């Protein structure tokens, strides 16, 4: 990857296995235009490893994704404390967004 591409790419860890590529792309597109989503898979099993890379079309969007607003971080902290049954009760799209956002916090 070139250095200009590195500045546009954000590592995302601990991605829930049931979140779709489309849900992740949609979620991260809220920060800026997504050029590419690459989820890492196990070579032997083909299963996701739970992490990947989001490449934005510009470095500013990538920086925004990597450096979340402190208020957003506080909201995410509250979401992180949801009990599994509370999380399961959320609508599918919202649950997927919460799970993906939780994963970007890299807890």
N, C-alpha and C. Protein backbone atom coordinates (compact mmCIF):
# COMPACT_ATOMS: atom_id res chain seq x y z
N UNK A 1 0.83 -1.17 0.00
CA UNK A 1 0.00 0.00 0.00
C UNK A 1 0.88 1.24 0.00
N UNK A 2 0.50 2.23 -0.76
CA UNK A 2 1.31 3.44 -0.81
C UNK A 2 1.06 4.27 0.44
N UNK A 3 1.96 5.22 0.70
CA UNK A 3 1.81 6.03 1.90
C UNK A 3 0.56 6.89 1.84
N UNK A 4 0.17 7.37 0.65
CA UNK A 4 -1.06 8.16 0.56
C UNK A 4 -2.27 7.29 0.85
N UNK A 5 -2.22 6.02 0.46
CA UNK A 5 -3.31 5.09 0.77
C UNK A 5 -3.35 4.80 2.26
N UNK A 6 -2.18 4.71 2.91
CA UNK A 6 -2.13 4.46 4.35
C UNK A 6 -2.81 5.57 5.13
N UNK A 7 -2.71 6.80 4.65
CA UNK A 7 -3.31 7.93 5.35
C UNK A 7 -4.83 7.92 5.21
N UNK A 8 -5.34 7.17 4.27
CA UNK A 8 -6.79 7.10 4.05
C UNK A 8 -7.39 5.83 4.64
N UNK A 9 -6.58 4.98 5.25
CA UNK A 9 -7.04 3.67 5.72
C UNK A 9 -7.07 3.63 7.24
N UNK A 10 -8.15 3.07 7.78
CA UNK A 10 -8.34 2.96 9.22
C UNK A 10 -8.51 1.49 9.57
N UNK A 11 -7.76 1.05 10.57
CA UNK A 11 -7.90 -0.31 11.09
C UNK A 11 -9.14 -0.38 11.97
N UNK A 12 -9.92 -1.45 11.82
CA UNK A 12 -11.09 -1.67 12.65
C UNK A 12 -10.96 -3.07 13.25
N UNK A 13 -10.92 -3.15 14.57
CA UNK A 13 -10.75 -4.43 15.23
C UNK A 13 -12.01 -4.91 15.92
N UNK A 14 -12.03 -6.18 16.26
CA UNK A 14 -13.12 -6.81 17.01
C UNK A 14 -14.48 -6.64 16.34
N UNK A 15 -14.53 -6.83 15.04
CA UNK A 15 -15.78 -6.71 14.29
C UNK A 15 -16.64 -7.94 14.57
N UNK A 16 -17.89 -7.70 14.89
CA UNK A 16 -18.82 -8.81 15.13
C UNK A 16 -18.96 -9.63 13.86
N UNK A 17 -19.02 -10.94 14.01
CA UNK A 17 -19.05 -11.83 12.86
C UNK A 17 -20.36 -11.79 12.10
N UNK A 18 -21.43 -11.31 12.73
CA UNK A 18 -22.73 -11.29 12.06
C UNK A 18 -23.05 -9.97 11.36
N UNK A 19 -22.16 -9.01 11.43
CA UNK A 19 -22.36 -7.73 10.74
C UNK A 19 -21.96 -7.90 9.28
N UNK A 20 -22.82 -7.43 8.38
CA UNK A 20 -22.53 -7.59 6.95
C UNK A 20 -21.59 -6.50 6.45
N UNK A 21 -20.98 -6.76 5.30
CA UNK A 21 -20.11 -5.77 4.66
C UNK A 21 -20.88 -4.48 4.39
N UNK A 22 -22.12 -4.62 3.94
CA UNK A 22 -22.95 -3.46 3.62
C UNK A 22 -23.24 -2.62 4.86
N UNK A 23 -23.50 -3.28 5.99
CA UNK A 23 -23.77 -2.56 7.23
C UNK A 23 -22.53 -1.80 7.68
N UNK A 24 -21.38 -2.43 7.59
CA UNK A 24 -20.14 -1.75 7.97
C UNK A 24 -19.85 -0.56 7.07
N UNK A 25 -20.00 -0.78 5.77
CA UNK A 25 -19.73 0.30 4.82
C UNK A 25 -20.67 1.47 5.07
N UNK A 26 -21.94 1.17 5.29
CA UNK A 26 -22.93 2.22 5.57
C UNK A 26 -22.58 2.98 6.84
N UNK A 27 -22.20 2.26 7.86
CA UNK A 27 -21.85 2.88 9.13
C UNK A 27 -20.66 3.82 8.96
N UNK A 28 -19.60 3.33 8.33
CA UNK A 28 -18.40 4.14 8.20
C UNK A 28 -18.54 5.24 7.16
N UNK A 29 -19.50 5.11 6.26
CA UNK A 29 -19.77 6.16 5.28
C UNK A 29 -20.38 7.38 5.95
N UNK A 30 -20.88 7.23 7.18
CA UNK A 30 -21.42 8.39 7.89
C UNK A 30 -20.32 9.39 8.22
N UNK A 31 -19.07 8.96 8.22
CA UNK A 31 -17.93 9.85 8.48
C UNK A 31 -17.45 10.49 7.19
N UNK A 32 -17.50 9.75 6.09
CA UNK A 32 -17.03 10.23 4.80
C UNK A 32 -17.12 9.13 3.77
N UNK A 33 -16.87 9.46 2.52
CA UNK A 33 -17.00 8.47 1.44
C UNK A 33 -16.00 7.31 1.58
N UNK A 34 -16.54 6.10 1.60
CA UNK A 34 -15.71 4.90 1.73
C UNK A 34 -15.32 4.42 0.34
N UNK A 35 -14.02 4.22 0.14
CA UNK A 35 -13.51 3.72 -1.13
C UNK A 35 -13.50 2.19 -1.15
N UNK A 36 -13.15 1.59 0.00
CA UNK A 36 -13.02 0.14 0.05
C UNK A 36 -13.12 -0.36 1.49
N UNK A 37 -13.73 -1.52 1.65
CA UNK A 37 -13.78 -2.22 2.93
C UNK A 37 -13.11 -3.56 2.70
N UNK A 38 -12.12 -3.87 3.53
CA UNK A 38 -11.45 -5.16 3.40
C UNK A 38 -11.44 -5.85 4.76
N UNK A 39 -12.24 -6.92 4.84
CA UNK A 39 -12.26 -7.72 6.06
C UNK A 39 -11.31 -8.89 5.87
N UNK A 40 -10.56 -9.21 6.92
CA UNK A 40 -9.56 -10.26 6.85
C UNK A 40 -10.23 -11.60 7.19
N UNK A 41 -9.94 -12.61 6.35
CA UNK A 41 -10.50 -13.95 6.53
C UNK A 41 -9.38 -14.97 6.75
N UNK A 42 -9.70 -16.02 7.48
CA UNK A 42 -8.77 -17.12 7.68
C UNK A 42 -8.56 -17.84 6.35
N UNK A 43 -7.33 -18.10 5.99
CA UNK A 43 -7.02 -18.75 4.71
C UNK A 43 -7.61 -20.15 4.59
N UNK A 44 -7.58 -20.89 5.69
CA UNK A 44 -8.02 -22.28 5.65
C UNK A 44 -9.54 -22.43 5.72
N UNK A 45 -10.17 -21.67 6.62
CA UNK A 45 -11.60 -21.85 6.83
C UNK A 45 -12.46 -20.85 6.06
N UNK A 46 -11.86 -19.72 5.67
CA UNK A 46 -12.63 -18.68 5.00
C UNK A 46 -13.44 -17.83 5.95
N UNK A 47 -13.39 -18.14 7.24
CA UNK A 47 -14.15 -17.37 8.23
C UNK A 47 -13.43 -16.05 8.53
N UNK A 48 -14.23 -15.07 8.88
CA UNK A 48 -13.67 -13.76 9.25
C UNK A 48 -12.82 -13.89 10.50
N UNK A 49 -11.79 -13.06 10.56
CA UNK A 49 -10.93 -13.03 11.75
C UNK A 49 -11.35 -11.96 12.74
N UNK A 50 -12.33 -11.12 12.36
CA UNK A 50 -12.83 -10.12 13.29
C UNK A 50 -12.17 -8.76 13.18
N UNK A 51 -11.41 -8.53 12.13
CA UNK A 51 -10.83 -7.21 11.93
C UNK A 51 -10.72 -6.92 10.44
N UNK A 52 -10.47 -5.67 10.14
CA UNK A 52 -10.36 -5.29 8.74
C UNK A 52 -9.88 -3.86 8.60
N UNK A 53 -10.03 -3.34 7.39
CA UNK A 53 -9.54 -2.01 7.06
C UNK A 53 -10.58 -1.26 6.24
N UNK A 54 -10.82 -0.01 6.61
CA UNK A 54 -11.72 0.85 5.88
C UNK A 54 -10.85 1.88 5.17
N UNK A 55 -10.96 1.93 3.85
CA UNK A 55 -10.21 2.93 3.09
C UNK A 55 -11.18 4.00 2.63
N UNK A 56 -10.90 5.22 3.02
CA UNK A 56 -11.70 6.36 2.62
C UNK A 56 -11.13 6.98 1.36
N UNK A 57 -11.93 7.81 0.71
CA UNK A 57 -11.45 8.47 -0.51
C UNK A 57 -10.50 9.62 -0.20
N UNK A 58 -10.52 10.08 1.07
CA UNK A 58 -9.62 11.18 1.43
C UNK A 58 -9.10 11.00 2.86
N UNK A 59 -7.96 11.60 3.12
CA UNK A 59 -7.30 11.46 4.42
C UNK A 59 -8.11 12.12 5.54
N UNK A 60 -8.83 13.19 5.22
CA UNK A 60 -9.61 13.89 6.25
C UNK A 60 -10.71 12.98 6.83
N UNK A 61 -11.39 12.23 5.97
CA UNK A 61 -12.42 11.32 6.45
C UNK A 61 -11.82 10.22 7.32
N UNK A 62 -10.68 9.71 6.90
CA UNK A 62 -10.01 8.67 7.69
C UNK A 62 -9.61 9.21 9.06
N UNK A 63 -9.11 10.43 9.09
CA UNK A 63 -8.72 11.04 10.36
C UNK A 63 -9.95 11.23 11.25
N UNK A 64 -11.07 11.61 10.65
CA UNK A 64 -12.30 11.78 11.42
C UNK A 64 -12.75 10.45 12.02
N UNK A 65 -12.64 9.39 11.25
CA UNK A 65 -13.03 8.07 11.75
C UNK A 65 -12.10 7.62 12.87
N UNK A 66 -10.82 7.89 12.72
CA UNK A 66 -9.83 7.45 13.71
C UNK A 66 -9.88 8.30 14.98
N UNK A 67 -10.19 9.57 14.82
CA UNK A 67 -10.21 10.50 15.95
C UNK A 67 -11.63 10.96 16.24
N UNK A 68 -12.39 10.08 16.85
CA UNK A 68 -13.79 10.40 17.12
C UNK A 68 -13.91 11.53 18.13
N UNK A 69 -14.96 12.27 17.97
CA UNK A 69 -15.31 13.35 18.88
C UNK A 69 -15.45 12.78 20.30
N UNK A 70 -14.93 13.48 21.31
CA UNK A 70 -15.04 12.98 22.69
C UNK A 70 -16.49 12.74 23.14
N UNK A 71 -17.43 13.56 22.67
CA UNK A 71 -18.83 13.35 23.03
C UNK A 71 -19.34 12.04 22.44
N UNK A 72 -18.93 11.73 21.22
CA UNK A 72 -19.31 10.47 20.61
C UNK A 72 -18.68 9.31 21.37
N UNK A 73 -17.45 9.49 21.79
CA UNK A 73 -16.79 8.44 22.59
C UNK A 73 -17.57 8.18 23.88
N UNK A 74 -18.07 9.25 24.52
CA UNK A 74 -18.84 9.09 25.76
C UNK A 74 -20.12 8.31 25.49
N UNK A 75 -20.79 8.62 24.38
CA UNK A 75 -21.99 7.88 24.02
C UNK A 75 -21.66 6.41 23.77
N UNK A 76 -20.54 6.18 23.12
CA UNK A 76 -20.14 4.81 22.84
C UNK A 76 -19.80 4.07 24.12
N UNK A 77 -19.22 4.78 25.08
CA UNK A 77 -18.94 4.15 26.37
C UNK A 77 -20.23 3.62 26.99
N UNK A 78 -21.31 4.40 26.87
CA UNK A 78 -22.59 3.94 27.40
C UNK A 78 -23.09 2.73 26.62
N UNK A 79 -22.92 2.75 25.30
CA UNK A 79 -23.34 1.62 24.49
C UNK A 79 -22.53 0.37 24.82
N UNK A 80 -21.26 0.58 25.17
CA UNK A 80 -20.40 -0.56 25.49
C UNK A 80 -20.91 -1.30 26.73
N UNK A 81 -21.63 -0.58 27.60
CA UNK A 81 -22.07 -1.20 28.84
C UNK A 81 -23.42 -1.90 28.71
N UNK A 82 -24.01 -1.89 27.52
CA UNK A 82 -25.27 -2.60 27.32
C UNK A 82 -25.10 -4.09 27.60
N UNK A 83 -26.06 -4.63 28.29
CA UNK A 83 -26.06 -6.07 28.55
C UNK A 83 -26.43 -6.78 27.25
N UNK A 84 -25.98 -8.01 27.05
CA UNK A 84 -26.29 -8.73 25.81
C UNK A 84 -27.77 -8.76 25.46
N UNK A 85 -28.63 -8.93 26.47
CA UNK A 85 -30.07 -8.97 26.18
C UNK A 85 -30.60 -7.60 25.76
N UNK A 86 -30.00 -6.52 26.28
CA UNK A 86 -30.39 -5.17 25.85
C UNK A 86 -29.97 -4.94 24.41
N UNK A 87 -28.77 -5.36 24.08
CA UNK A 87 -28.25 -5.23 22.73
C UNK A 87 -29.09 -6.05 21.75
N UNK A 88 -29.47 -7.24 22.16
CA UNK A 88 -30.27 -8.12 21.30
C UNK A 88 -31.65 -7.53 21.04
N UNK A 89 -32.14 -6.69 21.95
CA UNK A 89 -33.47 -6.10 21.80
C UNK A 89 -33.50 -4.94 20.81
N UNK A 90 -32.34 -4.43 20.42
CA UNK A 90 -32.29 -3.32 19.47
C UNK A 90 -32.69 -3.80 18.08
N UNK A 91 -33.25 -2.91 17.25
CA UNK A 91 -33.51 -3.28 15.85
C UNK A 91 -32.20 -3.71 15.18
N UNK A 92 -32.30 -4.62 14.21
CA UNK A 92 -31.11 -5.21 13.57
C UNK A 92 -30.11 -4.17 13.10
N UNK A 93 -30.58 -3.14 12.39
CA UNK A 93 -29.66 -2.15 11.84
C UNK A 93 -28.96 -1.38 12.95
N UNK A 94 -29.70 -0.98 13.97
CA UNK A 94 -29.11 -0.25 15.08
C UNK A 94 -28.13 -1.14 15.85
N UNK A 95 -28.50 -2.41 16.06
CA UNK A 95 -27.61 -3.34 16.76
C UNK A 95 -26.30 -3.49 15.99
N UNK A 96 -26.39 -3.62 14.66
CA UNK A 96 -25.20 -3.76 13.84
C UNK A 96 -24.32 -2.52 13.94
N UNK A 97 -24.95 -1.35 13.96
CA UNK A 97 -24.18 -0.12 14.07
C UNK A 97 -23.51 -0.01 15.43
N UNK A 98 -24.23 -0.38 16.48
CA UNK A 98 -23.65 -0.34 17.82
C UNK A 98 -22.47 -1.31 17.90
N UNK A 99 -22.66 -2.51 17.39
CA UNK A 99 -21.58 -3.50 17.43
C UNK A 99 -20.36 -3.02 16.66
N UNK A 100 -20.59 -2.48 15.49
CA UNK A 100 -19.47 -1.99 14.68
C UNK A 100 -18.77 -0.82 15.37
N UNK A 101 -19.54 0.10 15.94
CA UNK A 101 -18.94 1.23 16.64
C UNK A 101 -18.18 0.76 17.87
N UNK A 102 -18.74 -0.22 18.58
CA UNK A 102 -18.03 -0.77 19.73
C UNK A 102 -16.66 -1.29 19.30
N UNK A 103 -16.65 -1.93 18.15
CA UNK A 103 -15.41 -2.53 17.68
C UNK A 103 -14.37 -1.49 17.30
N UNK A 104 -14.82 -0.32 16.82
CA UNK A 104 -13.86 0.72 16.46
C UNK A 104 -13.18 1.29 17.69
N UNK A 105 -13.82 1.10 18.85
CA UNK A 105 -13.23 1.57 20.10
C UNK A 105 -12.09 0.65 20.52
N UNK A 106 -12.00 -0.52 19.92
CA UNK A 106 -10.93 -1.50 20.14
C UNK A 106 -10.80 -1.91 21.60
N UNK A 107 -11.92 -2.26 22.19
CA UNK A 107 -11.91 -2.77 23.56
C UNK A 107 -11.73 -4.26 23.52
